[in-house]
Amino acid sequence: MSGANKRKHTRYDNPKGIFNITTDKRTWHEIGLEDISAGGMKFTSTANFDVNEDIQAVLTLRNRIKDDNTLNLQGTVKRRMDMGSGLSAYAVEFSNITAKQLTSLSEIMAFIR
């Protein structure tokens, strides 16, 4: 298998903003968003999430044009990796991204670089 990038969607690394997720819509956890694309996201957290667990993410992304670009997305945890010191890295696959949300994400990220 080659090392070539086989992603279907453009990935945006290290976005700026405030990022929270929940599994029950009552308890929210702030996360460190590593990257995001139309297909999913990678984040770090001290909270524990199980592989195949459904999550809801509220991502308030910042860019040069507007400070509060909020996306509400649902997804499923696909991978978990222990980073040590109680921190874990997670990969989430989005299950419901709409064309409008995809357009919003693309517009927001275009002004970050």
C-alpha atoms as a PDB file:
ATOM      1  CA  MET A   1       0.000   0.000   0.000  1.00  0.00           C
ATOM      2  CA  SER A   2       1.460   3.350  -0.945  1.00  0.00           C
ATOM      3  CA  GLY A   3       1.833   6.327   1.404  1.00  0.00           C
ATOM      4  CA  ALA A   4      -0.194   8.566  -0.934  1.00  0.00           C
ATOM      5  CA  ASN A   5      -3.053  10.550   0.579  1.00  0.00           C
ATOM      6  CA  LYS A   6      -6.288   8.728  -0.290  1.00  0.00           C
ATOM      7  CA  ARG A   7      -8.686  11.210   1.300  1.00  0.00           C
ATOM      8  CA  LYS A   8     -11.822  12.100  -0.641  1.00  0.00           C
ATOM      9  CA  HIS A   9     -12.095  15.596   0.892  1.00  0.00           C
ATOM     10  CA  THR A  10      -9.737  18.488   1.514  1.00  0.00           C
ATOM     11  CA  ARG A  11      -8.433  18.425   5.079  1.00  0.00           C
ATOM     12  CA  TYR A  12      -7.938  21.634   7.045  1.00  0.00           C
ATOM     13  CA  ASP A  13      -5.263  21.357   9.755  1.00  0.00           C
ATOM     14  CA  ASN A  14      -5.227  23.170  13.102  1.00  0.00           C
ATOM     15  CA  PRO A  15      -8.389  25.266  12.767  1.00  0.00           C
ATOM     16  CA  LYS A  16      -8.888  28.018  15.352  1.00  0.00           C
ATOM     17  CA  GLY A  17     -12.006  28.369  17.473  1.00  0.00           C
ATOM     18  CA  ILE A  18     -14.001  26.773  20.260  1.00  0.00           C
ATOM     19  CA  PHE A  19     -14.891  23.124  19.812  1.00  0.00           C
ATOM     20  CA  ASN A  20     -17.238  21.046  21.978  1.00  0.00           C
ATOM     21  CA  ILE A  21     -18.721  17.580  21.696  1.00  0.00           C
ATOM     22  CA  THR A  22     -21.327  15.542  23.548  1.00  0.00           C
ATOM     23  CA  THR A  23     -22.713  12.042  23.484  1.00  0.00           C
ATOM     24  CA  ASP A  24     -25.864  12.774  25.498  1.00  0.00           C
ATOM     25  CA  LYS A  25     -26.666  16.481  24.761  1.00  0.00           C
ATOM     26  CA  ARG A  26     -26.248  17.232  28.498  1.00  0.00           C
ATOM     27  CA  THR A  27     -22.544  16.882  29.215  1.00  0.00           C
ATOM     28  CA  TRP A  28     -20.255  18.843  26.896  1.00  0.00           C
ATOM     29  CA  HIS A  29     -16.493  18.420  26.548  1.00  0.00           C
ATOM     30  CA  GLU A  30     -14.126  20.984  25.077  1.00  0.00           C
ATOM     31  CA  ILE A  31     -11.793  19.340  22.584  1.00  0.00           C
ATOM     32  CA  GLY A  32      -8.617  20.172  20.697  1.00  0.00           C
ATOM     33  CA  LEU A  33      -9.509  20.041  17.015  1.00  0.00           C
ATOM     34  CA  GLU A  34      -6.531  18.729  15.020  1.00  0.00           C
ATOM     35  CA  ASP A  35      -8.100  18.716  11.560  1.00  0.00           C
ATOM     36  CA  ILE A  36     -11.461  18.684   9.817  1.00  0.00           C
ATOM     37  CA  SER A  37     -12.818  17.812   6.386  1.00  0.00           C
ATOM     38  CA  ALA A  38     -16.214  17.115   4.862  1.00  0.00           C
ATOM     39  CA  GLY A  39     -15.765  13.473   5.843  1.00  0.00           C
ATOM     40  CA  GLY A  40     -14.826  13.879   9.486  1.00  0.00           C
ATOM     41  CA  MET A  41     -12.431  15.286  12.042  1.00  0.00           C
ATOM     42  CA  LYS A  42      -9.562  14.360  14.317  1.00  0.00           C
ATOM     43  CA  PHE A  43      -9.463  15.723  17.853  1.00  0.00           C
ATOM     44  CA  THR A  44      -7.812  15.258  21.226  1.00  0.00           C
ATOM     45  CA  SER A  45      -9.539  15.178  24.591  1.00  0.00           C
ATOM     46  CA  THR A  46      -9.132  14.032  28.177  1.00  0.00           C
ATOM     47  CA  ALA A  47     -12.741  12.765  28.037  1.00  0.00           C
ATOM     48  CA  ASN A  48     -13.267   9.106  27.187  1.00  0.00           C
ATOM     49  CA  PHE A  49     -15.252   8.116  24.110  1.00  0.00           C
ATOM     50  CA  ASP A  50     -15.701   4.605  22.776  1.00  0.00           C
ATOM     51  CA  VAL A  51     -15.101   3.467  19.206  1.00  0.00           C
ATOM     52  CA  ASN A  52     -18.469   3.355  17.396  1.00  0.00           C
ATOM     53  CA  GLU A  53     -19.957   5.852  19.859  1.00  0.00           C
ATOM     54  CA  ASP A  54     -22.114   8.563  18.279  1.00  0.00           C
ATOM     55  CA  ILE A  55     -21.219  12.171  19.065  1.00  0.00           C
ATOM     56  CA  GLN A  56     -22.605  15.612  18.352  1.00  0.00           C
ATOM     57  CA  ALA A  57     -20.085  18.368  17.672  1.00  0.00           C
ATOM     58  CA  VAL A  58     -20.612  22.106  17.933  1.00  0.00           C
ATOM     59  CA  LEU A  59     -17.667  23.742  16.201  1.00  0.00           C
ATOM     60  CA  THR A  60     -17.271  27.516  16.315  1.00  0.00           C
ATOM     61  CA  LEU A  61     -14.542  28.206  13.771  1.00  0.00           C
ATOM     62  CA  ARG A  62     -12.730  31.530  13.542  1.00  0.00           C
ATOM     63  CA  ASN A  63     -11.415  33.136  10.388  1.00  0.00           C
ATOM     64  CA  ARG A  64     -10.415  36.586   9.129  1.00  0.00           C
ATOM     65  CA  ILE A  65     -13.914  37.475   7.953  1.00  0.00           C
ATOM     66  CA  LYS A  66     -16.142  36.415  10.852  1.00  0.00           C
ATOM     67  CA  ASP A  67     -15.401  35.126  14.358  1.00  0.00           C
ATOM     68  CA  ASP A  68     -18.413  32.904  14.955  1.00  0.00           C
ATOM     69  CA  ASN A  69     -18.993  30.418  12.175  1.00  0.00           C
ATOM     70  CA  THR A  70     -20.829  27.611  13.975  1.00  0.00           C
ATOM     71  CA  LEU A  71     -21.395  24.134  12.581  1.00  0.00           C
ATOM     72  CA  ASN A  72     -23.483  21.454  14.318  1.00  0.00           C
ATOM     73  CA  LEU A  73     -22.434  18.019  13.104  1.00  0.00           C
ATOM     74  CA  GLN A  74     -23.098  14.417  14.073  1.00  0.00           C
ATOM     75  CA  GLY A  75     -20.628  11.624  13.668  1.00  0.00           C
ATOM     76  CA  THR A  76     -19.279   8.336  14.934  1.00  0.00           C
ATOM     77  CA  VAL A  77     -15.951   7.708  16.650  1.00  0.00           C
ATOM     78  CA  LYS A  78     -13.983   5.419  14.325  1.00  0.00           C
ATOM     79  CA  ARG A  79     -10.566   5.323  16.028  1.00  0.00           C
ATOM     80  CA  ARG A  80      -9.096   6.063  19.434  1.00  0.00           C
ATOM     81  CA  MET A  81      -5.408   6.305  20.306  1.00  0.00           C
ATOM     82  CA  ASP A  82      -4.015   6.803  23.820  1.00  0.00           C
ATOM     83  CA  MET A  83      -1.543   9.708  23.827  1.00  0.00           C
ATOM     84  CA  GLY A  84      -0.499   9.348  27.494  1.00  0.00           C
ATOM     85  CA  SER A  85      -1.133  11.599  30.512  1.00  0.00           C
ATOM     86  CA  GLY A  86      -4.881  10.977  30.207  1.00  0.00           C
ATOM     87  CA  LEU A  87      -5.101  12.424  26.682  1.00  0.00           C
ATOM     88  CA  SER A  88      -6.557  10.486  23.756  1.00  0.00           C
ATOM     89  CA  ALA A  89      -6.767  11.226  20.029  1.00  0.00           C
ATOM     90  CA  TYR A  90      -9.987  10.390  18.196  1.00  0.00           C
ATOM     91  CA  ALA A  91     -11.033  10.112  14.564  1.00  0.00           C
ATOM     92  CA  VAL A  92     -14.699  10.827  13.817  1.00  0.00           C
ATOM     93  CA  GLU A  93     -16.590  10.157  10.613  1.00  0.00           C
ATOM     94  CA  PHE A  94     -19.439  12.611   9.998  1.00  0.00           C
ATOM     95  CA  SER A  95     -22.782  10.986   9.352  1.00  0.00           C
ATOM     96  CA  ASN A  96     -24.931  13.921   8.350  1.00  0.00           C
ATOM     97  CA  ILE A  97     -22.968  16.733   6.727  1.00  0.00           C
ATOM     98  CA  THR A  98     -25.286  18.592   4.368  1.00  0.00           C
ATOM     99  CA  ALA A  99     -24.383  20.413   1.169  1.00  0.00           C
ATOM    100  CA  LYS A 100     -25.010  23.722   2.987  1.00  0.00           C
ATOM    101  CA  GLN A 101     -22.682  22.749   5.871  1.00  0.00           C
ATOM    102  CA  LEU A 102     -20.045  21.586   3.388  1.00  0.00           C
ATOM    103  CA  THR A 103     -20.248  24.935   1.605  1.00  0.00           C
ATOM    104  CA  SER A 104     -20.019  26.775   4.946  1.00  0.00           C
ATOM    105  CA  LEU A 105     -16.990  24.735   5.992  1.00  0.00           C
ATOM    106  CA  SER A 106     -15.252  25.426   2.681  1.00  0.00           C
ATOM    107  CA  GLU A 107     -16.000  29.167   2.897  1.00  0.00           C
ATOM    108  CA  ILE A 108     -14.841  29.408   6.514  1.00  0.00           C
ATOM    109  CA  MET A 109     -11.607  27.546   5.875  1.00  0.00           C
ATOM    110  CA  ALA A 110     -10.802  29.513   2.699  1.00  0.00           C
ATOM    111  CA  PHE A 111     -10.133  32.607   4.815  1.00  0.00           C
ATOM    112  CA  ILE A 112      -8.006  30.926   7.473  1.00  0.00           C
ATOM    113  CA  ARG A 113      -4.926  30.396   5.332  1.00  0.00           C
END
